């Protein structure tokens, strides 16, 4: 680990890469087949088996996957899709890609997932789907969401990009809707560098996504035979090879990430009057994408805390800004502060702590002590 001014530096995240990943990528490079090869097919097959779905379609990113999932669901210009404002911006942007309107619903104050009790109030004749986002490694409260969707004949698409193998009532994320999307950016539970996966039990959706990711190529995959408007959303072989190796040890990865979360729990619990630590909802199995804490004293400047920690080598980030307050969304839809107060309050006061395999308990203690010290300093106005 690099050192700066005598302080050990703690990045926010880093991937867990070993010899298996290097060996797989090297095999691809030696093969000379860098795209549309067997590693992508193997990754898809193993991923579908692991989740428990019939089909998996590898794509270039989670964002690309969401775009194609919405297209495959028939979402189009003028439609409305209900989703959360507390997410990475791609979930809402993907709805705009297909010409539809994202309709936001505020979040639960504890899990930070979409609040099912507020969904039905915003349903209109234009509403066609609910895009649920399983945030930070924790599933949404799916029972009432499924009930609402069935009542109003709405499709469910899952953004499970942050919640690989998380469970709700012993059922895995990605298996509730007609399709779901996972992502493999380097800070995710497993990584392909850049990449994503669309999963579904519907053969027609799978076939359409496979065509759309490859420039709209026809089902027979004949060279340069394109029957619809498509995109270059393919996953390359190096990424797939990396993902296949990561998937082979995902259970070990998740266990070690859970242990890091436990150590943070252990050493932050004495400061529960200062910080709110992540809460796991009943019936949920959490798979820990990030570890996010919320500063309870609203007089403390969260951004100043982040800056002060960075000065001593501890990287933290705000997680997450509320999408509706980005200038683009305010200008386009007229959103303003106060529209979704719970999401806004969480956005203003949360930060993600360094979280990765290999961080030691002594490091976590150091981070916690520094965090509390900085918060107390800022709370006193020093």
Foldseek 3Di string as FASTA:
>chain_A
DDDDPNFDFFAQEFFDDDPQLVVLLVVCVVVVAWAPDDLQVVLFVLLCVVQVADTKAKWQALLLQLLLLCVLLVQAAQAEEEEALQDPLSNQVSSVVRNYHYDHAFADLAQRWGDLVGPVVPDDPRYAAYEGEQPQQKDDPCPSVLVSCVVVVHFYEYACQQHAQKFFLNRGPQPRTQKYKHWAPRLHLHHLNHIMMIGHNDPSSNQSSNCQCCQQADSVNPPPHHDDGHHVTGDISSSSSRSVSCSVCSVVSQVLLVVVLVLLCVLCVVVCVFKDWHDHDPRIDGRGSFTKIFGPPPQFQQVVLQVVCVVSNWHKAQRDARNCPDPVNCVVPVDDPPPHPSSHNSSRTMMTGRGYRPDDSVNSNVRSVSSVVSRVVRVVVD
